[in-house]
N, C-alpha and C. Protein backbone atom coordinates (compact mmCIF):
# COMPACT_ATOMS: atom_id res chain seq x y z
N MET A 1 34.84 1.70 9.40
CA MET A 1 33.60 1.14 8.91
C MET A 1 33.22 1.82 7.60
N THR A 2 33.10 1.06 6.53
CA THR A 2 32.82 1.62 5.22
C THR A 2 31.36 1.45 4.81
N GLU A 3 30.57 0.73 5.60
CA GLU A 3 29.17 0.53 5.26
C GLU A 3 28.37 1.79 5.54
N ILE A 4 27.35 2.00 4.73
CA ILE A 4 26.48 3.16 4.89
C ILE A 4 25.08 2.62 5.19
N LEU A 5 24.39 3.26 6.12
CA LEU A 5 23.02 2.86 6.42
C LEU A 5 22.13 3.18 5.23
N ASP A 6 21.37 2.22 4.78
CA ASP A 6 20.48 2.39 3.64
C ASP A 6 19.10 2.79 4.17
N TYR A 7 18.93 4.08 4.41
CA TYR A 7 17.70 4.58 5.00
C TYR A 7 16.49 4.32 4.10
N GLY A 8 16.68 4.35 2.79
CA GLY A 8 15.57 4.10 1.87
C GLY A 8 14.98 2.71 2.07
N SER A 9 15.82 1.70 2.15
CA SER A 9 15.34 0.33 2.36
C SER A 9 14.71 0.16 3.74
N ILE A 10 15.31 0.80 4.73
CA ILE A 10 14.77 0.70 6.09
C ILE A 10 13.38 1.34 6.14
N MET A 11 13.22 2.50 5.51
CA MET A 11 11.91 3.18 5.49
C MET A 11 10.90 2.38 4.68
N ASN A 12 11.30 1.85 3.54
CA ASN A 12 10.37 1.03 2.75
C ASN A 12 9.86 -0.14 3.57
N HIS A 13 10.76 -0.82 4.26
CA HIS A 13 10.37 -1.96 5.09
C HIS A 13 9.39 -1.51 6.17
N ALA A 14 9.70 -0.42 6.85
CA ALA A 14 8.83 0.08 7.92
C ALA A 14 7.46 0.46 7.37
N MET A 15 7.41 1.07 6.19
CA MET A 15 6.13 1.46 5.61
C MET A 15 5.34 0.24 5.14
N GLN A 16 6.02 -0.81 4.67
CA GLN A 16 5.32 -2.04 4.30
C GLN A 16 4.68 -2.67 5.52
N VAL A 17 5.38 -2.66 6.65
CA VAL A 17 4.81 -3.18 7.90
C VAL A 17 3.62 -2.32 8.31
N PHE A 18 3.73 -1.01 8.14
CA PHE A 18 2.64 -0.09 8.44
C PHE A 18 1.40 -0.43 7.62
N VAL A 19 1.57 -0.58 6.30
CA VAL A 19 0.44 -0.90 5.41
C VAL A 19 -0.18 -2.23 5.84
N LYS A 20 0.64 -3.21 6.16
CA LYS A 20 0.14 -4.52 6.59
C LYS A 20 -0.72 -4.36 7.85
N GLU A 21 -0.25 -3.60 8.82
CA GLU A 21 -1.01 -3.41 10.07
C GLU A 21 -2.32 -2.68 9.83
N VAL A 22 -2.31 -1.66 8.97
CA VAL A 22 -3.55 -0.94 8.64
C VAL A 22 -4.54 -1.91 8.00
N LEU A 23 -4.08 -2.69 7.02
CA LEU A 23 -4.97 -3.62 6.33
C LEU A 23 -5.47 -4.73 7.26
N GLN A 24 -4.65 -5.16 8.22
CA GLN A 24 -5.11 -6.16 9.19
C GLN A 24 -6.28 -5.61 10.00
N LYS A 25 -6.19 -4.35 10.42
CA LYS A 25 -7.29 -3.72 11.17
C LYS A 25 -8.55 -3.63 10.31
N VAL A 26 -8.38 -3.26 9.04
CA VAL A 26 -9.53 -3.15 8.15
C VAL A 26 -10.14 -4.53 7.89
N ALA A 27 -9.31 -5.55 7.72
CA ALA A 27 -9.81 -6.91 7.49
C ALA A 27 -10.62 -7.39 8.70
N LYS A 28 -10.20 -7.01 9.88
CA LYS A 28 -10.88 -7.44 11.11
C LYS A 28 -12.14 -6.63 11.41
N ASN A 29 -12.07 -5.29 11.20
CA ASN A 29 -13.15 -4.41 11.65
C ASN A 29 -13.84 -3.61 10.55
N GLY A 30 -13.36 -3.69 9.32
CA GLY A 30 -13.91 -2.86 8.25
C GLY A 30 -13.30 -1.47 8.27
N LEU A 31 -13.64 -0.68 7.27
CA LEU A 31 -13.13 0.69 7.18
C LEU A 31 -13.97 1.60 8.08
N PRO A 32 -13.34 2.26 9.05
CA PRO A 32 -14.11 3.13 9.94
C PRO A 32 -14.39 4.49 9.32
N GLY A 33 -15.53 5.06 9.63
CA GLY A 33 -15.87 6.43 9.21
C GLY A 33 -15.72 6.64 7.72
N ASP A 34 -15.05 7.73 7.37
CA ASP A 34 -14.85 8.09 5.97
C ASP A 34 -13.53 7.57 5.40
N HIS A 35 -12.82 6.74 6.16
CA HIS A 35 -11.53 6.24 5.68
C HIS A 35 -11.71 5.45 4.38
N HIS A 36 -10.77 5.65 3.47
CA HIS A 36 -10.69 4.87 2.24
C HIS A 36 -9.27 5.03 1.72
N PHE A 37 -8.88 4.11 0.84
CA PHE A 37 -7.50 4.07 0.39
C PHE A 37 -7.38 4.18 -1.12
N PHE A 38 -6.42 4.98 -1.57
CA PHE A 38 -5.97 4.98 -2.95
C PHE A 38 -4.60 4.31 -2.90
N ILE A 39 -4.46 3.18 -3.57
CA ILE A 39 -3.21 2.43 -3.55
C ILE A 39 -2.73 2.29 -4.99
N THR A 40 -1.57 2.89 -5.27
CA THR A 40 -0.99 2.80 -6.60
C THR A 40 -0.01 1.64 -6.62
N LEU A 41 -0.14 0.79 -7.65
CA LEU A 41 0.63 -0.44 -7.74
C LEU A 41 1.47 -0.48 -9.01
N ASP A 42 2.61 -1.13 -8.91
CA ASP A 42 3.48 -1.38 -10.06
C ASP A 42 2.97 -2.66 -10.73
N THR A 43 2.32 -2.50 -11.89
CA THR A 43 1.74 -3.67 -12.56
C THR A 43 2.78 -4.55 -13.24
N LYS A 44 4.05 -4.09 -13.29
CA LYS A 44 5.14 -4.89 -13.86
C LYS A 44 5.80 -5.77 -12.80
N HIS A 45 5.41 -5.62 -11.55
CA HIS A 45 6.03 -6.41 -10.47
C HIS A 45 5.82 -7.90 -10.76
N PRO A 46 6.87 -8.72 -10.61
CA PRO A 46 6.76 -10.13 -10.97
C PRO A 46 5.79 -10.95 -10.12
N ASN A 47 5.47 -10.50 -8.91
CA ASN A 47 4.60 -11.30 -8.04
C ASN A 47 3.18 -10.77 -7.90
N ILE A 48 2.86 -9.67 -8.59
CA ILE A 48 1.49 -9.17 -8.53
C ILE A 48 0.59 -10.11 -9.33
N GLU A 49 -0.61 -10.33 -8.85
CA GLU A 49 -1.56 -11.18 -9.56
C GLU A 49 -2.83 -10.38 -9.81
N ILE A 50 -2.95 -9.90 -11.05
CA ILE A 50 -4.14 -9.18 -11.48
C ILE A 50 -4.54 -9.71 -12.84
N ALA A 51 -5.78 -9.46 -13.22
CA ALA A 51 -6.29 -9.94 -14.50
C ALA A 51 -5.43 -9.42 -15.66
N ALA A 52 -5.25 -10.25 -16.67
CA ALA A 52 -4.43 -9.89 -17.83
C ALA A 52 -4.95 -8.62 -18.50
N TRP A 53 -6.27 -8.45 -18.55
CA TRP A 53 -6.81 -7.27 -19.21
C TRP A 53 -6.45 -5.99 -18.45
N LEU A 54 -6.28 -6.08 -17.13
CA LEU A 54 -5.86 -4.91 -16.35
C LEU A 54 -4.40 -4.57 -16.63
N THR A 55 -3.57 -5.60 -16.74
CA THR A 55 -2.16 -5.38 -17.05
C THR A 55 -2.01 -4.78 -18.44
N GLU A 56 -2.83 -5.25 -19.39
CA GLU A 56 -2.77 -4.70 -20.74
C GLU A 56 -3.22 -3.24 -20.76
N ARG A 57 -4.26 -2.95 -20.01
CA ARG A 57 -4.80 -1.58 -19.98
C ARG A 57 -3.90 -0.64 -19.18
N TYR A 58 -3.26 -1.17 -18.14
CA TYR A 58 -2.38 -0.37 -17.27
C TYR A 58 -1.02 -1.06 -17.19
N PRO A 59 -0.19 -0.92 -18.22
CA PRO A 59 1.06 -1.68 -18.31
C PRO A 59 2.12 -1.29 -17.29
N ASN A 60 2.04 -0.11 -16.69
CA ASN A 60 3.06 0.34 -15.74
C ASN A 60 2.56 0.42 -14.31
N GLU A 61 1.43 1.07 -14.13
CA GLU A 61 0.88 1.19 -12.79
C GLU A 61 -0.63 1.39 -12.84
N ILE A 62 -1.27 1.08 -11.74
CA ILE A 62 -2.71 1.24 -11.60
C ILE A 62 -2.98 1.74 -10.18
N THR A 63 -3.98 2.58 -10.04
CA THR A 63 -4.41 3.03 -8.72
C THR A 63 -5.75 2.39 -8.42
N ILE A 64 -5.79 1.64 -7.33
CA ILE A 64 -7.03 1.00 -6.92
C ILE A 64 -7.60 1.79 -5.74
N VAL A 65 -8.90 1.68 -5.56
CA VAL A 65 -9.57 2.37 -4.46
C VAL A 65 -10.30 1.35 -3.62
N MET A 66 -10.00 1.34 -2.35
CA MET A 66 -10.75 0.50 -1.41
C MET A 66 -11.63 1.44 -0.60
N GLN A 67 -12.94 1.35 -0.84
CA GLN A 67 -13.84 2.26 -0.15
C GLN A 67 -15.16 1.59 0.18
N HIS A 68 -16.14 1.69 -0.70
CA HIS A 68 -17.48 1.21 -0.37
C HIS A 68 -17.65 -0.29 -0.56
N TRP A 69 -17.09 -0.82 -1.62
CA TRP A 69 -17.29 -2.24 -1.91
C TRP A 69 -15.95 -2.92 -2.11
N TYR A 70 -15.65 -3.83 -1.23
CA TYR A 70 -14.49 -4.70 -1.38
C TYR A 70 -14.85 -5.98 -0.64
N ASP A 71 -14.20 -7.06 -0.99
CA ASP A 71 -14.57 -8.34 -0.42
C ASP A 71 -13.33 -9.20 -0.25
N ASN A 72 -13.42 -10.13 0.67
CA ASN A 72 -12.38 -11.14 0.89
C ASN A 72 -10.98 -10.55 1.09
N LEU A 73 -10.89 -9.50 1.87
CA LEU A 73 -9.59 -8.92 2.19
C LEU A 73 -8.87 -9.86 3.14
N GLU A 74 -7.74 -10.37 2.69
CA GLU A 74 -6.91 -11.25 3.51
C GLU A 74 -5.50 -10.71 3.48
N VAL A 75 -4.92 -10.57 4.66
CA VAL A 75 -3.61 -9.94 4.80
C VAL A 75 -2.59 -10.98 5.20
N GLY A 76 -1.51 -11.07 4.42
CA GLY A 76 -0.45 -12.02 4.69
C GLY A 76 0.85 -11.30 5.01
N GLU A 77 1.90 -12.05 5.16
CA GLU A 77 3.21 -11.48 5.51
C GLU A 77 3.85 -10.72 4.35
N LYS A 78 3.67 -11.21 3.12
CA LYS A 78 4.33 -10.60 1.97
C LYS A 78 3.40 -9.77 1.10
N GLY A 79 2.09 -9.89 1.34
CA GLY A 79 1.14 -9.16 0.52
C GLY A 79 -0.27 -9.41 1.00
N PHE A 80 -1.23 -8.88 0.25
CA PHE A 80 -2.63 -9.07 0.61
C PHE A 80 -3.44 -9.39 -0.63
N SER A 81 -4.57 -10.04 -0.40
CA SER A 81 -5.48 -10.32 -1.51
C SER A 81 -6.80 -9.64 -1.21
N VAL A 82 -7.47 -9.25 -2.26
CA VAL A 82 -8.75 -8.56 -2.13
C VAL A 82 -9.48 -8.71 -3.45
N THR A 83 -10.78 -8.67 -3.41
CA THR A 83 -11.58 -8.65 -4.64
C THR A 83 -12.17 -7.27 -4.76
N LEU A 84 -11.99 -6.68 -5.92
CA LEU A 84 -12.52 -5.35 -6.21
C LEU A 84 -13.41 -5.41 -7.44
N ASN A 85 -14.24 -4.40 -7.58
CA ASN A 85 -15.20 -4.35 -8.66
C ASN A 85 -14.70 -3.41 -9.75
N PHE A 86 -14.52 -3.95 -10.95
CA PHE A 86 -14.13 -3.15 -12.11
C PHE A 86 -15.28 -3.18 -13.09
N GLY A 87 -16.03 -2.09 -13.16
CA GLY A 87 -17.14 -2.03 -14.10
C GLY A 87 -18.14 -3.15 -13.89
N GLU A 88 -18.52 -3.39 -12.66
CA GLU A 88 -19.48 -4.43 -12.28
C GLU A 88 -18.93 -5.84 -12.46
N ALA A 89 -17.62 -5.97 -12.63
CA ALA A 89 -17.00 -7.29 -12.74
C ALA A 89 -16.02 -7.47 -11.58
N PRO A 90 -16.35 -8.34 -10.62
CA PRO A 90 -15.44 -8.58 -9.51
C PRO A 90 -14.15 -9.23 -10.00
N GLU A 91 -13.03 -8.71 -9.52
CA GLU A 91 -11.71 -9.24 -9.90
C GLU A 91 -10.88 -9.50 -8.65
N PRO A 92 -10.41 -10.73 -8.49
CA PRO A 92 -9.51 -11.00 -7.36
C PRO A 92 -8.10 -10.49 -7.68
N LEU A 93 -7.45 -9.93 -6.67
CA LEU A 93 -6.11 -9.40 -6.83
C LEU A 93 -5.22 -9.95 -5.72
N TYR A 94 -3.97 -10.17 -6.03
CA TYR A 94 -2.97 -10.43 -4.99
C TYR A 94 -1.90 -9.35 -5.16
N ILE A 95 -1.65 -8.62 -4.08
CA ILE A 95 -0.76 -7.46 -4.14
C ILE A 95 0.38 -7.62 -3.14
N PRO A 96 1.58 -7.86 -3.62
CA PRO A 96 2.73 -7.89 -2.71
C PRO A 96 2.99 -6.47 -2.19
N TYR A 97 3.38 -6.36 -0.94
CA TYR A 97 3.64 -5.04 -0.37
C TYR A 97 4.71 -4.29 -1.15
N ASP A 98 5.69 -5.02 -1.68
CA ASP A 98 6.78 -4.33 -2.36
C ASP A 98 6.44 -3.90 -3.79
N CYS A 99 5.18 -4.06 -4.21
CA CYS A 99 4.78 -3.49 -5.50
C CYS A 99 3.97 -2.21 -5.30
N ILE A 100 3.76 -1.83 -4.04
CA ILE A 100 3.01 -0.60 -3.74
C ILE A 100 3.90 0.60 -4.00
N ILE A 101 3.38 1.54 -4.77
CA ILE A 101 4.10 2.78 -5.08
C ILE A 101 3.66 3.88 -4.12
N THR A 102 2.34 4.02 -3.92
CA THR A 102 1.82 4.99 -2.95
C THR A 102 0.64 4.37 -2.21
N PHE A 103 0.46 4.81 -0.99
CA PHE A 103 -0.67 4.41 -0.15
C PHE A 103 -1.22 5.69 0.46
N VAL A 104 -2.47 6.04 0.11
CA VAL A 104 -3.04 7.31 0.53
C VAL A 104 -4.42 7.09 1.13
N ASP A 105 -4.67 7.77 2.26
CA ASP A 105 -6.02 7.84 2.84
C ASP A 105 -6.42 9.31 2.78
N PRO A 106 -7.12 9.72 1.71
CA PRO A 106 -7.46 11.14 1.56
C PRO A 106 -8.41 11.66 2.63
N SER A 107 -9.12 10.79 3.32
CA SER A 107 -10.07 11.25 4.34
C SER A 107 -9.37 11.94 5.50
N VAL A 108 -8.11 11.61 5.70
CA VAL A 108 -7.33 12.23 6.78
C VAL A 108 -6.07 12.90 6.24
N GLU A 109 -6.01 13.09 4.90
CA GLU A 109 -4.87 13.71 4.23
C GLU A 109 -3.55 13.04 4.63
N PHE A 110 -3.54 11.71 4.54
CA PHE A 110 -2.34 10.95 4.87
C PHE A 110 -1.90 10.16 3.65
N GLY A 111 -0.59 10.11 3.43
CA GLY A 111 -0.09 9.31 2.34
C GLY A 111 1.39 9.02 2.49
N VAL A 112 1.81 7.90 1.93
CA VAL A 112 3.23 7.54 1.90
C VAL A 112 3.58 7.13 0.48
N LYS A 113 4.82 7.44 0.11
CA LYS A 113 5.33 7.06 -1.21
C LYS A 113 6.53 6.15 -0.98
N PHE A 114 6.53 5.03 -1.68
CA PHE A 114 7.59 4.04 -1.55
C PHE A 114 8.64 4.25 -2.62
N GLU A 115 9.88 3.86 -2.32
CA GLU A 115 10.92 3.86 -3.34
C GLU A 115 10.64 2.68 -4.26
N PRO A 116 10.95 2.82 -5.54
CA PRO A 116 10.73 1.69 -6.47
C PRO A 116 11.50 0.46 -6.01
N SER A 117 10.92 -0.71 -6.24
CA SER A 117 11.56 -1.97 -5.87
C SER A 117 12.94 -2.09 -6.48
N SER A 118 13.11 -1.58 -7.69
CA SER A 118 14.39 -1.69 -8.38
C SER A 118 15.47 -0.87 -7.69
N ALA A 119 15.06 0.12 -6.88
CA ALA A 119 16.04 0.96 -6.19
C ALA A 119 16.52 0.32 -4.90
N ILE A 120 15.87 -0.77 -4.50
CA ILE A 120 16.23 -1.43 -3.25
C ILE A 120 17.23 -2.53 -3.54
N ASP A 121 18.28 -2.55 -2.78
CA ASP A 121 19.33 -3.55 -2.94
C ASP A 121 18.83 -4.89 -2.41
N PRO A 122 18.70 -5.92 -3.27
CA PRO A 122 18.18 -7.20 -2.81
C PRO A 122 19.09 -7.88 -1.80
N SER A 123 20.33 -7.45 -1.67
CA SER A 123 21.21 -8.06 -0.68
C SER A 123 21.08 -7.39 0.68
N ASP A 124 20.29 -6.31 0.75
CA ASP A 124 20.08 -5.61 2.01
C ASP A 124 19.43 -6.57 3.02
N GLU A 125 19.85 -6.53 4.26
CA GLU A 125 19.35 -7.46 5.27
C GLU A 125 17.85 -7.36 5.47
N LEU A 126 17.30 -6.13 5.54
CA LEU A 126 15.86 -5.97 5.74
C LEU A 126 15.08 -6.49 4.54
N THR A 127 15.54 -6.16 3.34
CA THR A 127 14.87 -6.63 2.14
C THR A 127 14.93 -8.15 2.06
N GLU A 128 16.10 -8.70 2.35
CA GLU A 128 16.26 -10.15 2.32
C GLU A 128 15.33 -10.82 3.34
N ALA A 129 15.25 -10.26 4.54
CA ALA A 129 14.37 -10.82 5.58
C ALA A 129 12.91 -10.75 5.15
N LEU A 130 12.54 -9.63 4.53
CA LEU A 130 11.16 -9.46 4.09
C LEU A 130 10.79 -10.48 3.02
N HIS A 131 11.73 -10.75 2.10
CA HIS A 131 11.45 -11.66 0.99
C HIS A 131 11.72 -13.13 1.31
N SER A 132 12.40 -13.42 2.39
CA SER A 132 12.75 -14.81 2.66
C SER A 132 12.05 -15.38 3.88
N SER A 133 10.99 -14.71 4.36
CA SER A 133 10.30 -15.26 5.52
C SER A 133 9.69 -16.60 5.15
N ASN A 134 9.44 -17.42 6.13
CA ASN A 134 8.93 -18.77 5.88
C ASN A 134 7.42 -18.79 5.72
N THR A 135 6.83 -17.69 5.31
CA THR A 135 5.39 -17.66 5.10
C THR A 135 5.11 -17.83 3.62
N TYR A 136 3.90 -18.19 3.32
CA TYR A 136 3.49 -18.39 1.94
C TYR A 136 2.40 -17.41 1.59
N PRO A 137 2.23 -17.09 0.32
CA PRO A 137 1.19 -16.14 -0.05
C PRO A 137 -0.17 -16.62 0.44
N ILE A 138 -1.02 -15.65 0.77
CA ILE A 138 -2.34 -16.00 1.26
C ILE A 138 -3.20 -16.54 0.13
N GLU A 139 -4.24 -17.23 0.50
CA GLU A 139 -5.15 -17.80 -0.49
C GLU A 139 -5.86 -16.65 -1.20
N HIS A 140 -6.03 -16.76 -2.49
CA HIS A 140 -6.62 -15.68 -3.27
C HIS A 140 -8.13 -15.88 -3.34
N LYS A 141 -8.84 -14.83 -3.00
CA LYS A 141 -10.30 -14.85 -3.07
C LYS A 141 -10.76 -13.54 -3.69
N THR A 142 -12.04 -13.41 -3.92
CA THR A 142 -12.54 -12.20 -4.54
C THR A 142 -13.10 -11.23 -3.50
N GLY A 143 -13.11 -9.88 -3.85
CA GLY A 143 -13.79 -8.97 -3.01
C GLY A 143 -13.64 -7.52 -2.83
N THR A 144 -13.09 -6.52 -3.39
CA THR A 144 -13.17 -5.12 -2.98
C THR A 144 -13.43 -4.22 -4.17
N ASN A 145 -13.98 -3.06 -3.91
CA ASN A 145 -14.29 -2.13 -5.00
C ASN A 145 -13.04 -1.44 -5.48
N ILE A 146 -12.74 -1.57 -6.72
CA ILE A 146 -11.57 -0.91 -7.29
C ILE A 146 -12.04 0.11 -8.31
N SER A 147 -11.39 1.19 -8.30
CA SER A 147 -11.64 2.20 -9.30
C SER A 147 -10.30 2.63 -9.83
N THR A 148 -10.23 2.89 -11.12
CA THR A 148 -8.96 3.33 -11.67
C THR A 148 -8.95 4.84 -11.83
N GLU A 149 -10.02 5.49 -11.46
CA GLU A 149 -10.08 6.94 -11.56
C GLU A 149 -9.86 7.51 -10.17
N VAL A 150 -8.87 8.37 -10.06
CA VAL A 150 -8.56 8.99 -8.77
C VAL A 150 -9.19 10.37 -8.75
N LYS A 151 -9.99 10.62 -7.72
CA LYS A 151 -10.62 11.92 -7.57
C LYS A 151 -10.04 12.58 -6.33
N GLU A 152 -9.84 13.87 -6.43
CA GLU A 152 -9.34 14.62 -5.29
C GLU A 152 -10.45 14.72 -4.25
N PRO A 153 -10.12 14.56 -2.95
CA PRO A 153 -11.13 14.70 -1.92
C PRO A 153 -11.63 16.14 -1.87
N GLU A 154 -12.88 16.28 -1.48
CA GLU A 154 -13.47 17.60 -1.41
C GLU A 154 -13.41 18.15 0.01
N ASN A 155 -12.34 17.87 0.70
CA ASN A 155 -12.17 18.34 2.07
C ASN A 155 -11.57 19.74 2.06
N GLU A 156 -11.89 20.50 3.10
CA GLU A 156 -11.26 21.80 3.24
C GLU A 156 -9.83 21.59 3.68
N LYS A 157 -8.95 22.46 3.22
CA LYS A 157 -7.55 22.39 3.64
C LYS A 157 -7.44 22.88 5.07
N VAL A 158 -6.65 22.18 5.86
CA VAL A 158 -6.43 22.56 7.25
C VAL A 158 -5.07 23.23 7.34
N GLU A 159 -5.04 24.39 7.95
CA GLU A 159 -3.80 25.11 8.13
C GLU A 159 -3.00 24.46 9.24
N ALA A 160 -1.71 24.30 9.05
CA ALA A 160 -0.85 23.72 10.07
C ALA A 160 -0.32 24.82 10.97
N GLU A 161 -0.15 24.50 12.23
CA GLU A 161 0.40 25.45 13.18
C GLU A 161 1.90 25.19 13.29
N VAL A 162 2.69 26.24 13.17
CA VAL A 162 4.14 26.12 13.27
C VAL A 162 4.53 26.31 14.73
N VAL A 163 5.29 25.37 15.25
CA VAL A 163 5.74 25.44 16.63
C VAL A 163 7.25 25.49 16.63
N GLN A 164 7.83 26.42 17.36
CA GLN A 164 9.28 26.51 17.43
C GLN A 164 9.79 25.53 18.47
N LEU A 165 10.85 24.81 18.14
CA LEU A 165 11.42 23.83 19.05
C LEU A 165 12.02 24.48 20.28
N ASP A 166 12.44 25.74 20.18
CA ASP A 166 13.01 26.44 21.33
C ASP A 166 12.03 26.49 22.50
N THR A 167 10.75 26.45 22.22
CA THR A 167 9.73 26.48 23.26
C THR A 167 9.87 25.30 24.21
N PHE A 168 10.36 24.16 23.70
CA PHE A 168 10.41 22.94 24.49
C PHE A 168 11.79 22.66 25.08
N ARG A 169 12.76 23.47 24.76
CA ARG A 169 14.11 23.25 25.26
C ARG A 169 14.25 23.72 26.69
N LYS A 170 15.02 22.97 27.45
CA LYS A 170 15.30 23.37 28.83
C LYS A 170 16.39 24.42 28.82
N SER A 171 16.25 25.37 29.68
CA SER A 171 17.25 26.45 29.78
C SER A 171 18.42 26.05 30.63
């Protein structure tokens, strides 16, 4: 067998499903507690739909923030749409999952980084399945607060406890 498992593509696919499930919960119930998201996007992605002035201002990537004000969050199979506020101007966005570079929830110190779309082999079975599903992009509407300025959370750092695996091994 000469094939090699492409762990990068498998992980990207799994993380895209993860982001979709998180956003589905938020669309249904809103953001709980202090949760909020910093989502960095590849603005050169061919299927992203953002205002031309945003693409001109951020030609490579943009970080959006979903926190206090967002509207019309709709989650689809290949991406999600949301309306965010840029300087008091609501802007509808359509974001394919495969244009996400990072997804971070600083309230719980959680984040994932995706491999660039260009690093993923389009002939890969998982990538092909993700891009060839029989679903269509969701309807675009307006609605969420976007900020292009990323601020570090003011949370205290939590020390991690190191546990030795030998503790759990059977003798």
